[in-house]
Amino acid sequence: MIQIKQDTPFITDNFLLQNKVAIELYHNYASDMPIIDYHNHLSAKKIAEKDGFSDITEAWLKEDHYKWRAMRANGIDEYFITGDATGIEKFRKWSETVPYTIRNPLFHWTHLELKHYFDIDEILQPTTSDSIYKATSEILQKTTAEQLLHSIKVEVVCTTDDPKDDLRWHKKIAKDSLAIKVLPTFRSDQVMAIDSNSFLEYLQELGNVEGIEIESLQDLLIVLEQRIDCFHEVGCRLSDYGLSGPFLFSDFTDKEVDLIIKKKIHGKELKAEDIRKYRSCIVYNLAKMYQKKNWVQQYHLGAIRNNNSRLEKKYGADAGCDSIGDYQFADDISGFLNQLDEEEKLTKTIMYNLNPSYNEMFATMTGNFNTGEMPGKMQWGAAWWFLDQKDGMEKQLNVLSNMGLLSRFIGMLTDSRSFLSFPRHDYFRRILCNMIGKDVENGELPLDIPFLGKIIKDICYYNAVNYFQFDKNKI
C-alpha cells in the first residue's frame, strides 16, 4: 500500500496558477464570484428538511459513481462501494484508493473539497483516513445542505426532476424563503423511453398526476403542457434531456405517432422507425412548449449507459457503468434545430457532448442558430462528465474560443449528486484564469487586466445571470 509524504500543503492559494497574470485574474476577479449551478442532481428533499449528514461517507460516497469507478479500478470489493459496509469501512477503502488516483481529476477534487469545506490540508490516505473521517463527520453532522451551499457562495441550484414529480420539496423551500434559490428542471428522459418495459407504467403515473388517462398523442401532449405549467409556477426555467444513443430526429406526422402510442398501449411490438418517429415528435413538441415559456432547453448527448448488465441488475441504473459513446449527430441535430428556427420556435439552447472527437462539430453547430435577440443564445455547454477535468476543460475552452465567443460562455456547473462538489467551479475558474494568463504571457492577448478581469467575471457569473434571468422569478 503506497503512502504520500507531505511537507507542505498541496492545495495552495495559487494552485494551477502558473504566471503572475493568472494569479491576479483569479484572486482579484474570479475567486469570490457567486455560483449559479444551473445543472446538478442534488436532492431538493435534503435541502428542504434542513438535516445534517450522518458522516462524510453519506455526503461524499453514497451516490458518487466517479468514486465508485475508481474504487473498482483499484480492486475494492463491491461490499465497500455500494454494499452494506459501514460508513467508516467504506471511507477507509476510499482513502486507500485516493493515492492511486494521481492525474485523475478525483485527486484534485478530493483535496479541493477537503480544503474548501473543512480547511484540511492533509493528503487523504490510510494514515490520515480515520482522523479526517472523524473531523469531517463531526462538522457535517451539525451542518445542513443549505449551509454547505451558502458557505461556498451558491446563489442558485437547478435540480433535475421528472415531469411527474409533485415538486413538494421545491415548494417547501420557496415557502421557507431560503437565501439560496433551489429550482426544478424538467427532465423528459422517461417520457422519451417508449422502448422501455416500464413505459406504460410510467405513462399511467404521469397521467395520474394530472387526472388524465393517457391513451393518445393528444392526451400525452396535454399532460406534458400542464406539467410544464406546474413546473413554471414553482420557478422552473430549464428543461433537460439526457439521451443514451444517437439523437435520431426524423420526419413524422401526428397521426403516425398517435398510432405508435396506441400500438405500445395494446402490447404490439414497435419497430426502430416507430421509436424514432415517437421521440422526434415528443422532443419537437416539447421544444415548442419550452419556447413558449422562454425556458432554456438542455441536451446531454453522447453517453452509452448501463454497459455492465450484471451491476445494473444488482444495483440499478447510475451504478457507474456508463461511458463515452460513438454516435453520429450532425445531420439530425441540424435538422431539429433548423426546423424550430424556421418556425421561430427555437428557444435558448445548451448542448453538451460527451465524445471529445465531436467538439468542433458541436461548437460550430450551435453557432449556426444564434440570432440578434441576445448574445450567446445558443451555447455549446461546459465540459461534461468524463470531460470535466483539466484537459477536458482546456480543450472545451480552446475549441469554443476558436469556433465561437468564449466571452459569452455561461460557465461551469457541477452535474453532481454531492453537496461537496462545488469546488469544481473553483477548479474551472483557476483553469480559465491560467489559460488567459498564459495567452498574455505569450503576447497573444493585451496586458489589460481590467478588460480581461471583466471577461473572467462574466464567464464565471454574469453571463449566467443574464442568460437565465433567475432574478425575474416570482415564486
Protein backbone atom coordinates (compact mmCIF):
# COMPACT_ATOMS: atom_id res chain seq x y z
CA MET A 1 0.00 0.00 0.00
CA ILE A 2 1.55 3.32 -1.09
CA GLN A 3 1.85 6.41 1.09
CA ILE A 4 2.39 10.03 0.05
CA LYS A 5 4.89 12.11 2.02
CA GLN A 6 3.79 15.68 2.62
CA ASP A 7 5.90 18.54 3.93
CA THR A 8 3.78 21.47 2.68
CA PRO A 9 0.09 21.92 1.78
CA PHE A 10 -0.86 20.51 -1.60
CA ILE A 11 -3.74 22.91 -2.36
CA THR A 12 -2.13 26.35 -2.12
CA ASP A 13 -3.67 29.76 -2.86
CA ASN A 14 -2.07 29.66 -6.29
CA PHE A 15 -2.92 26.06 -7.16
CA LEU A 16 -2.93 25.65 -11.00
CA LEU A 17 -1.99 29.33 -11.50
CA GLN A 18 1.31 29.35 -13.36
CA ASN A 19 2.01 33.04 -14.01
CA LYS A 20 1.51 36.48 -12.47
CA VAL A 21 -1.40 37.49 -14.71
CA ALA A 22 -3.28 34.27 -13.90
CA ILE A 23 -2.73 34.87 -10.19
CA GLU A 24 -4.04 38.43 -10.43
CA LEU A 25 -7.06 37.49 -12.53
CA TYR A 26 -8.01 34.63 -10.23
CA HIS A 27 -7.62 36.39 -6.88
CA ASN A 28 -8.99 39.80 -7.92
CA TYR A 29 -11.75 38.78 -10.33
CA ALA A 30 -12.71 35.09 -10.20
CA SER A 31 -12.32 33.58 -6.75
CA ASP A 32 -15.04 35.49 -4.90
CA MET A 33 -17.74 35.38 -7.58
CA PRO A 34 -21.04 33.76 -6.51
CA ILE A 35 -22.08 30.45 -8.06
CA ILE A 36 -25.05 29.73 -10.29
CA ASP A 37 -25.15 25.94 -10.63
CA TYR A 38 -27.69 25.54 -13.39
CA HIS A 39 -27.43 21.76 -13.75
CA ASN A 40 -26.99 19.20 -10.98
CA HIS A 41 -28.66 16.17 -9.44
CA LEU A 42 -28.89 17.39 -5.85
CA SER A 43 -31.79 16.37 -3.62
CA ALA A 44 -34.30 19.15 -3.01
CA LYS A 45 -35.66 17.00 -0.17
CA LYS A 46 -32.28 17.07 1.59
CA ILE A 47 -32.17 20.87 1.34
CA ALA A 48 -35.77 21.30 2.48
CA GLU A 49 -35.50 19.04 5.51
CA LYS A 50 -32.53 21.02 6.89
CA ASP A 51 -30.87 17.94 8.35
CA GLY A 52 -27.17 17.33 8.76
CA PHE A 53 -25.32 14.33 7.39
CA SER A 54 -24.63 11.11 9.26
CA ASP A 55 -20.95 11.21 8.22
CA ILE A 56 -18.58 12.12 5.40
CA THR A 57 -19.44 8.85 3.65
CA GLU A 58 -23.07 9.88 3.23
CA ALA A 59 -22.09 13.30 1.93
CA TRP A 60 -19.22 12.13 -0.26
CA LEU A 61 -19.53 8.50 -1.34
CA LYS A 62 -23.18 7.49 -1.18
CA GLU A 63 -24.11 8.40 -4.78
CA ASP A 64 -20.79 9.34 -6.36
CA HIS A 65 -20.25 6.99 -9.29
CA TYR A 66 -16.95 8.76 -10.13
CA LYS A 67 -15.52 7.43 -6.86
CA TRP A 68 -17.19 4.04 -7.31
CA ARG A 69 -15.48 3.57 -10.66
CA ALA A 70 -12.10 4.48 -9.20
CA MET A 71 -12.56 2.08 -6.29
CA ARG A 72 -13.49 -0.76 -8.64
CA ALA A 73 -10.46 0.02 -10.79
CA ASN A 74 -8.36 -0.20 -7.62
CA GLY A 75 -9.68 -3.69 -6.87
CA ILE A 76 -12.00 -2.75 -4.00
CA ASP A 77 -14.76 -5.26 -3.33
CA GLU A 78 -18.29 -4.05 -4.13
CA TYR A 79 -19.25 -4.63 -0.49
CA PHE A 80 -17.25 -1.49 0.35
CA ILE A 81 -18.62 0.54 -2.57
CA THR A 82 -22.38 0.03 -2.90
CA GLY A 83 -22.72 -2.80 -0.38
CA ASP A 84 -23.58 -2.95 3.32
CA ALA A 85 -20.22 -1.98 4.80
CA THR A 86 -20.32 0.71 7.48
CA GLY A 87 -19.60 4.32 6.72
CA ILE A 88 -16.11 4.27 8.15
CA GLU A 89 -15.28 0.99 6.38
CA LYS A 90 -16.27 2.50 3.04
CA PHE A 91 -14.33 5.67 3.79
CA ARG A 92 -11.21 3.72 4.64
CA LYS A 93 -11.41 1.91 1.30
CA TRP A 94 -11.82 5.24 -0.49
CA SER A 95 -8.81 6.55 1.44
CA GLU A 96 -6.81 3.55 0.23
CA THR A 97 -7.79 4.41 -3.33
CA VAL A 98 -7.05 8.16 -3.31
CA PRO A 99 -3.23 7.89 -3.63
CA TYR A 100 -3.76 5.75 -6.72
CA THR A 101 -5.93 8.45 -8.37
CA ILE A 102 -2.96 10.70 -9.23
CA ARG A 103 -3.58 12.52 -12.55
CA ASN A 104 -7.25 11.61 -12.33
CA PRO A 105 -9.46 14.66 -11.51
CA LEU A 106 -10.61 12.85 -8.36
CA PHE A 107 -7.21 13.54 -6.79
CA HIS A 108 -7.64 17.28 -7.30
CA TRP A 109 -11.36 17.33 -6.45
CA THR A 110 -10.86 15.35 -3.24
CA HIS A 111 -8.28 17.73 -1.84
CA LEU A 112 -10.02 20.88 -3.09
CA GLU A 113 -13.16 19.76 -1.25
CA LEU A 114 -11.28 18.93 1.95
CA LYS A 115 -9.65 22.37 1.79
CA HIS A 116 -12.74 24.42 0.88
CA TYR A 117 -15.24 22.90 3.30
CA PHE A 118 -13.06 21.68 6.18
CA ASP A 119 -9.76 23.61 5.89
CA ILE A 120 -7.91 20.28 5.78
CA ASP A 121 -4.50 20.39 4.08
CA GLU A 122 -3.53 16.75 4.59
CA ILE A 123 -3.48 14.23 1.76
CA LEU A 124 -6.24 11.66 2.20
CA GLN A 125 -4.65 8.22 2.51
CA PRO A 126 -4.72 5.32 5.01
CA THR A 127 -2.56 7.11 7.58
CA THR A 128 -4.92 10.12 7.67
CA SER A 129 -8.17 8.30 6.97
CA ASP A 130 -9.61 7.96 10.48
CA SER A 131 -8.67 11.46 11.66
CA ILE A 132 -10.17 13.04 8.52
CA TYR A 133 -13.28 10.86 8.82
CA LYS A 134 -13.76 12.00 12.43
CA ALA A 135 -13.10 15.70 11.81
CA THR A 136 -15.29 16.00 8.70
CA SER A 137 -18.12 13.89 10.07
CA GLU A 138 -18.34 15.97 13.26
CA ILE A 139 -18.72 19.11 11.14
CA LEU A 140 -21.23 17.57 8.73
CA GLN A 141 -23.45 16.21 11.48
CA LYS A 142 -24.04 19.81 12.57
CA THR A 143 -24.22 21.30 9.05
CA THR A 144 -27.24 21.35 6.75
CA ALA A 145 -27.11 21.07 2.98
CA GLU A 146 -28.22 24.70 2.76
CA GLN A 147 -25.35 25.80 4.99
CA LEU A 148 -22.84 23.91 2.83
CA LEU A 149 -24.15 25.67 -0.26
CA HIS A 150 -24.17 29.06 1.45
CA SER A 151 -20.62 28.60 2.71
CA ILE A 152 -19.31 28.43 -0.84
CA LYS A 153 -21.42 31.36 -2.17
CA VAL A 154 -24.01 29.40 -4.13
CA GLU A 155 -26.92 31.59 -5.21
CA VAL A 156 -28.94 29.23 -7.42
CA VAL A 157 -29.08 25.46 -7.84
CA CYS A 158 -31.22 23.82 -10.51
CA THR A 159 -32.05 20.23 -9.66
CA THR A 160 -33.05 17.52 -12.16
CA ASP A 161 -36.68 16.44 -11.87
CA ASP A 162 -39.04 14.04 -13.61
CA PRO A 163 -42.21 15.54 -15.16
CA LYS A 164 -44.37 13.51 -12.78
CA ASP A 165 -42.65 14.93 -9.69
CA ASP A 166 -45.09 16.82 -7.44
CA LEU A 167 -42.29 19.28 -6.53
CA ARG A 168 -43.35 19.34 -2.88
CA TRP A 169 -39.81 19.95 -1.66
CA HIS A 170 -39.20 22.83 -4.04
CA LYS A 171 -42.46 24.38 -2.87
CA LYS A 172 -41.42 23.99 0.76
CA ILE A 173 -38.05 25.61 0.07
CA ALA A 174 -39.76 28.55 -1.66
CA LYS A 175 -42.22 28.88 1.23
CA ASP A 176 -39.39 28.86 3.76
CA SER A 177 -37.69 31.71 1.85
CA LEU A 178 -34.19 30.30 1.90
CA ALA A 179 -31.41 32.64 0.82
CA ILE A 180 -30.49 30.16 -1.94
CA LYS A 181 -32.85 29.57 -4.86
CA VAL A 182 -33.49 25.87 -5.45
CA LEU A 183 -35.36 25.48 -8.73
CA PRO A 184 -36.52 22.37 -10.59
CA THR A 185 -35.52 21.34 -14.12
CA PHE A 186 -37.96 19.48 -16.38
CA ARG A 187 -36.10 16.28 -17.39
CA SER A 188 -38.01 14.30 -20.03
CA ASP A 189 -35.94 11.10 -20.29
CA GLN A 190 -38.70 8.76 -19.13
CA VAL A 191 -41.23 10.36 -21.45
CA MET A 192 -38.96 9.53 -24.38
CA ALA A 193 -38.34 5.92 -23.33
CA ILE A 194 -41.19 4.28 -25.25
CA ASP A 195 -38.96 1.24 -25.80
CA SER A 196 -38.66 0.68 -22.03
CA ASN A 197 -40.51 -2.21 -20.36
CA SER A 198 -41.72 0.22 -17.70
CA PHE A 199 -43.02 2.85 -20.15
CA LEU A 200 -46.72 2.03 -19.80
CA GLU A 201 -46.48 2.09 -16.01
CA TYR A 202 -44.73 5.45 -16.24
CA LEU A 203 -47.36 6.79 -18.64
CA GLN A 204 -50.08 5.85 -16.16
CA GLU A 205 -48.27 7.55 -13.28
CA LEU A 206 -47.69 10.68 -15.37
CA GLY A 207 -51.35 10.85 -16.35
CA ASN A 208 -52.48 10.29 -12.76
CA VAL A 209 -50.66 13.45 -11.64
CA GLU A 210 -52.97 15.50 -13.88
CA GLY A 211 -56.01 13.23 -13.59
CA ILE A 212 -55.90 12.27 -17.27
CA GLU A 213 -55.72 8.75 -18.70
CA ILE A 214 -53.16 8.89 -21.50
CA GLU A 215 -54.50 6.94 -24.46
CA SER A 216 -53.35 9.07 -27.37
CA LEU A 217 -50.74 11.58 -28.54
CA GLN A 218 -53.14 14.41 -27.79
CA ASP A 219 -53.60 13.18 -24.21
CA LEU A 220 -49.85 12.97 -23.72
CA LEU A 221 -49.18 16.47 -25.08
CA ILE A 222 -51.93 17.95 -22.91
CA VAL A 223 -50.45 16.31 -19.80
CA LEU A 224 -46.94 17.47 -20.65
CA GLU A 225 -48.06 21.06 -21.18
CA GLN A 226 -49.90 21.03 -17.87
CA ARG A 227 -46.83 19.64 -16.12
CA ILE A 228 -44.70 22.38 -17.70
CA ASP A 229 -47.18 24.95 -16.37
CA CYS A 230 -46.84 23.47 -12.87
CA PHE A 231 -43.04 23.44 -13.07
CA HIS A 232 -43.06 27.04 -14.29
CA GLU A 233 -45.14 28.16 -11.32
CA VAL A 234 -42.53 26.70 -8.96
CA GLY A 235 -39.74 28.64 -10.69
CA CYS A 236 -38.52 26.17 -13.30
CA ARG A 237 -36.83 27.88 -16.24
CA LEU A 238 -34.84 24.98 -17.69
CA SER A 239 -35.55 21.66 -19.35
CA ASP A 240 -33.18 18.78 -20.00
CA TYR A 241 -32.95 15.58 -21.99
CA GLY A 242 -30.20 13.07 -21.22
CA LEU A 243 -30.17 10.86 -24.27
CA SER A 244 -28.47 7.47 -24.42
CA GLY A 245 -27.67 6.70 -28.02
CA PRO A 246 -27.88 8.78 -31.21
CA PHE A 247 -30.16 11.83 -31.44
CA LEU A 248 -32.18 10.49 -34.41
CA PHE A 249 -34.55 13.26 -35.47
CA SER A 250 -36.77 12.36 -38.41
CA ASP A 251 -39.98 13.37 -40.19
CA PHE A 252 -43.23 12.33 -38.55
CA THR A 253 -46.93 13.05 -38.61
CA ASP A 254 -49.17 13.34 -35.58
CA LYS A 255 -51.32 10.54 -36.98
CA GLU A 256 -48.32 8.22 -37.24
CA VAL A 257 -47.22 8.92 -33.68
CA ASP A 258 -50.74 8.55 -32.32
CA LEU A 259 -50.88 5.06 -33.84
CA ILE A 260 -47.44 4.25 -32.41
CA ILE A 261 -48.59 5.16 -28.88
CA LYS A 262 -51.68 3.03 -29.31
CA LYS A 263 -49.57 0.12 -30.57
CA LYS A 264 -47.50 0.35 -27.40
CA ILE A 265 -50.58 0.54 -25.18
CA HIS A 266 -52.02 -2.59 -26.84
CA GLY A 267 -48.81 -4.56 -26.37
CA LYS A 268 -47.72 -4.63 -30.01
CA GLU A 269 -44.02 -4.68 -30.89
CA LEU A 270 -42.53 -1.38 -32.02
CA LYS A 271 -40.09 -1.11 -34.90
CA ALA A 272 -36.96 1.01 -34.71
CA GLU A 273 -38.59 3.56 -37.04
CA ASP A 274 -41.62 3.75 -34.70
CA ILE A 275 -39.38 4.62 -31.77
CA ARG A 276 -37.54 7.22 -33.84
CA LYS A 277 -40.74 8.92 -35.01
CA TYR A 278 -42.19 8.94 -31.50
CA ARG A 279 -39.08 10.52 -29.97
CA SER A 280 -38.83 13.06 -32.78
CA CYS A 281 -42.44 14.10 -32.23
CA ILE A 282 -42.11 14.45 -28.47
CA VAL A 283 -38.76 16.27 -28.46
CA TYR A 284 -40.07 18.67 -31.14
CA ASN A 285 -43.36 19.41 -29.35
CA LEU A 286 -41.61 19.84 -26.02
CA ALA A 287 -39.14 22.28 -27.62
CA LYS A 288 -42.05 24.42 -28.80
CA MET A 289 -43.57 24.36 -25.31
CA TYR A 290 -40.23 25.46 -23.83
CA GLN A 291 -40.00 28.35 -26.28
CA LYS A 292 -43.50 29.46 -25.32
CA LYS A 293 -42.35 29.72 -21.68
CA ASN A 294 -38.98 31.30 -22.63
CA TRP A 295 -37.21 28.38 -20.95
CA VAL A 296 -33.68 27.23 -21.66
CA GLN A 297 -33.52 23.73 -23.16
CA GLN A 298 -30.55 21.47 -22.43
CA TYR A 299 -29.48 18.34 -24.30
CA HIS A 300 -26.87 15.94 -22.90
CA LEU A 301 -25.70 13.83 -25.81
CA GLY A 302 -23.17 11.08 -26.39
CA ALA A 303 -23.36 8.65 -23.46
CA ILE A 304 -23.71 4.89 -23.71
CA ARG A 305 -25.28 3.91 -20.42
CA ASN A 306 -25.50 0.83 -18.18
CA ASN A 307 -22.88 -1.16 -20.07
CA ASN A 308 -22.43 -3.67 -17.24
CA SER A 309 -25.70 -5.59 -17.11
CA ARG A 310 -24.59 -7.58 -14.05
CA LEU A 311 -24.15 -4.44 -11.95
CA GLU A 312 -27.25 -2.82 -13.41
CA LYS A 313 -29.38 -5.81 -12.38
CA LYS A 314 -27.88 -5.79 -8.90
CA TYR A 315 -27.71 -2.05 -8.17
CA GLY A 316 -29.87 -0.39 -10.85
CA ALA A 317 -29.05 2.48 -13.17
CA ASP A 318 -26.37 5.07 -12.32
CA ALA A 319 -24.11 2.40 -10.82
CA GLY A 320 -21.06 3.89 -12.51
CA CYS A 321 -21.13 1.73 -15.64
CA ASP A 322 -21.63 4.39 -18.30
CA SER A 323 -19.08 5.54 -20.84
CA ILE A 324 -18.46 7.70 -23.89
CA GLY A 325 -20.47 6.59 -26.92
CA ASP A 326 -19.59 6.84 -30.60
CA TYR A 327 -22.63 8.16 -32.49
CA GLN A 328 -23.34 10.38 -35.48
CA PHE A 329 -25.16 13.56 -34.52
CA ALA A 330 -24.61 16.34 -37.06
CA ASP A 331 -27.42 15.74 -39.58
CA ASP A 332 -30.13 15.06 -37.02
CA ILE A 333 -29.22 17.95 -34.72
CA SER A 334 -29.05 20.26 -37.74
CA GLY A 335 -32.49 19.15 -38.92
CA PHE A 336 -34.02 19.53 -35.46
CA LEU A 337 -32.64 23.00 -34.75
CA ASN A 338 -33.30 24.19 -38.29
CA GLN A 339 -36.96 23.15 -38.21
CA LEU A 340 -37.51 25.01 -34.95
CA ASP A 341 -35.60 28.04 -36.21
CA GLU A 342 -37.61 28.17 -39.45
CA GLU A 343 -40.82 28.28 -37.43
CA GLU A 344 -39.33 30.86 -35.00
CA LYS A 345 -39.83 28.35 -32.18
CA LEU A 346 -36.18 27.85 -31.16
CA THR A 347 -35.64 28.82 -27.54
CA LYS A 348 -32.32 29.36 -25.76
CA THR A 349 -30.41 26.09 -26.06
CA ILE A 350 -27.42 24.42 -24.39
CA MET A 351 -25.94 21.28 -25.97
CA TYR A 352 -23.37 19.16 -24.13
CA ASN A 353 -21.38 16.44 -25.85
CA LEU A 354 -19.53 13.59 -24.17
CA ASN A 355 -17.30 12.49 -27.02
CA PRO A 356 -14.44 14.99 -27.45
CA SER A 357 -13.93 13.94 -31.08
CA TYR A 358 -17.14 15.89 -31.80
CA ASN A 359 -16.09 19.09 -30.00
CA GLU A 360 -15.66 21.12 -33.17
CA MET A 361 -18.93 19.83 -34.64
CA PHE A 362 -20.94 20.83 -31.58
CA ALA A 363 -19.21 24.20 -31.27
CA THR A 364 -19.93 25.07 -34.89
CA MET A 365 -23.43 23.56 -34.96
CA THR A 366 -24.69 25.69 -32.08
CA GLY A 367 -23.15 28.73 -33.77
CA ASN A 368 -25.41 28.23 -36.79
CA PHE A 369 -28.55 29.32 -34.98
CA ASN A 370 -27.65 32.43 -32.99
CA THR A 371 -29.82 35.49 -33.58
CA GLY A 372 -29.69 39.18 -32.80
CA GLU A 373 -32.17 38.87 -29.95
CA MET A 374 -29.43 38.29 -27.35
CA PRO A 375 -25.73 37.39 -27.04
CA GLY A 376 -24.95 33.68 -26.83
CA LYS A 377 -28.46 32.35 -27.31
CA MET A 378 -27.06 29.02 -28.50
CA GLN A 379 -24.50 27.57 -26.10
CA TRP A 380 -22.12 24.68 -26.52
CA GLY A 381 -22.15 23.51 -22.92
CA ALA A 382 -19.34 23.10 -20.42
CA ALA A 383 -17.05 20.07 -20.47
CA TRP A 384 -19.34 17.33 -19.21
CA TRP A 385 -18.99 14.14 -17.14
CA PHE A 386 -15.85 12.31 -18.26
CA LEU A 387 -14.59 15.58 -19.75
CA ASP A 388 -14.96 17.88 -16.72
CA GLN A 389 -11.30 17.52 -15.83
CA LYS A 390 -8.34 19.82 -16.53
CA ASP A 391 -7.56 18.53 -20.01
CA GLY A 392 -11.24 18.31 -21.00
CA MET A 393 -11.97 21.84 -19.76
CA GLU A 394 -8.95 23.26 -21.55
CA LYS A 395 -9.97 21.56 -24.81
CA GLN A 396 -13.54 22.82 -24.50
CA LEU A 397 -12.37 26.38 -23.78
CA ASN A 398 -9.89 26.30 -26.66
CA VAL A 399 -12.39 24.95 -29.20
CA LEU A 400 -15.05 27.40 -28.04
CA SER A 401 -12.53 30.23 -28.39
CA ASN A 402 -11.61 29.10 -31.91
CA MET A 403 -15.15 28.48 -33.16
CA GLY A 404 -17.29 30.96 -31.20
CA LEU A 405 -17.16 33.58 -28.45
CA LEU A 406 -15.59 32.42 -25.21
CA SER A 407 -16.51 35.81 -23.75
CA ARG A 408 -20.24 34.91 -24.00
CA PHE A 409 -19.87 31.45 -22.40
CA ILE A 410 -22.16 30.82 -19.40
CA GLY A 411 -19.52 28.89 -17.48
CA MET A 412 -19.27 25.82 -15.30
CA LEU A 413 -21.71 23.57 -13.44
CA THR A 414 -21.30 20.58 -11.14
CA ASP A 415 -23.64 17.95 -12.72
CA SER A 416 -23.27 16.30 -9.32
CA ARG A 417 -25.25 14.46 -6.68
CA SER A 418 -22.90 15.61 -3.91
CA PHE A 419 -23.28 18.77 -1.85
CA LEU A 420 -19.49 18.82 -1.53
CA SER A 421 -18.80 19.08 -5.27
CA PHE A 422 -18.96 22.85 -5.68
CA PRO A 423 -15.18 23.44 -5.66
CA ARG A 424 -15.43 22.23 -9.27
CA HIS A 425 -16.40 25.83 -10.01
CA ASP A 426 -13.17 26.97 -8.37
CA TYR A 427 -11.26 24.35 -10.37
CA PHE A 428 -12.76 25.69 -13.60
CA ARG A 429 -12.02 29.29 -12.63
CA ARG A 430 -8.38 28.54 -11.92
CA ILE A 431 -8.03 26.73 -15.25
CA LEU A 432 -9.73 29.62 -17.10
CA CYS A 433 -7.55 32.28 -15.46
CA ASN A 434 -4.41 30.26 -16.12
CA MET A 435 -5.26 29.94 -19.82
CA ILE A 436 -5.86 33.68 -20.20
CA GLY A 437 -2.72 34.43 -18.20
CA LYS A 438 -0.65 32.20 -20.48
CA ASP A 439 -2.00 34.00 -23.55
CA VAL A 440 -0.95 37.35 -22.08
CA GLU A 441 2.45 35.98 -21.16
CA ASN A 442 2.88 34.68 -24.73
CA GLY A 443 1.92 38.05 -26.22
CA GLU A 444 -1.32 36.63 -27.65
CA LEU A 445 -3.59 38.93 -25.60
CA PRO A 446 -3.06 42.52 -24.43
CA LEU A 447 -2.00 43.13 -20.84
CA ASP A 448 -5.21 44.91 -19.88
CA ILE A 449 -6.16 43.48 -16.52
CA PRO A 450 -9.47 45.38 -16.05
CA PHE A 451 -10.68 44.30 -19.50
CA LEU A 452 -9.64 40.67 -19.02
CA GLY A 453 -10.98 40.72 -15.45
CA LYS A 454 -14.42 41.75 -16.71
CA ILE A 455 -14.41 38.86 -19.21
CA ILE A 456 -13.44 36.47 -16.40
CA LYS A 457 -16.26 37.75 -14.16
CA ASP A 458 -18.75 37.41 -17.00
CA ILE A 459 -17.81 33.80 -17.72
CA CYS A 460 -17.78 32.86 -14.03
CA TYR A 461 -21.07 34.54 -13.13
CA TYR A 462 -22.63 37.45 -15.03
CA ASN A 463 -23.22 35.67 -18.34
CA ALA A 464 -25.29 33.07 -16.48
CA VAL A 465 -27.16 35.81 -14.61
CA ASN A 466 -28.14 37.47 -17.87
CA TYR A 467 -28.83 34.23 -19.71
CA PHE A 468 -31.15 32.58 -17.20
CA GLN A 469 -32.59 35.71 -15.54
CA PHE A 470 -33.47 33.84 -12.37
CA ASP A 471 -33.83 37.16 -10.59
CA LYS A 472 -37.10 37.65 -12.52
CA ASN A 473 -38.60 34.53 -10.93
CA LYS A 474 -41.55 35.46 -8.76
CA ILE A 475 -42.41 32.33 -6.82
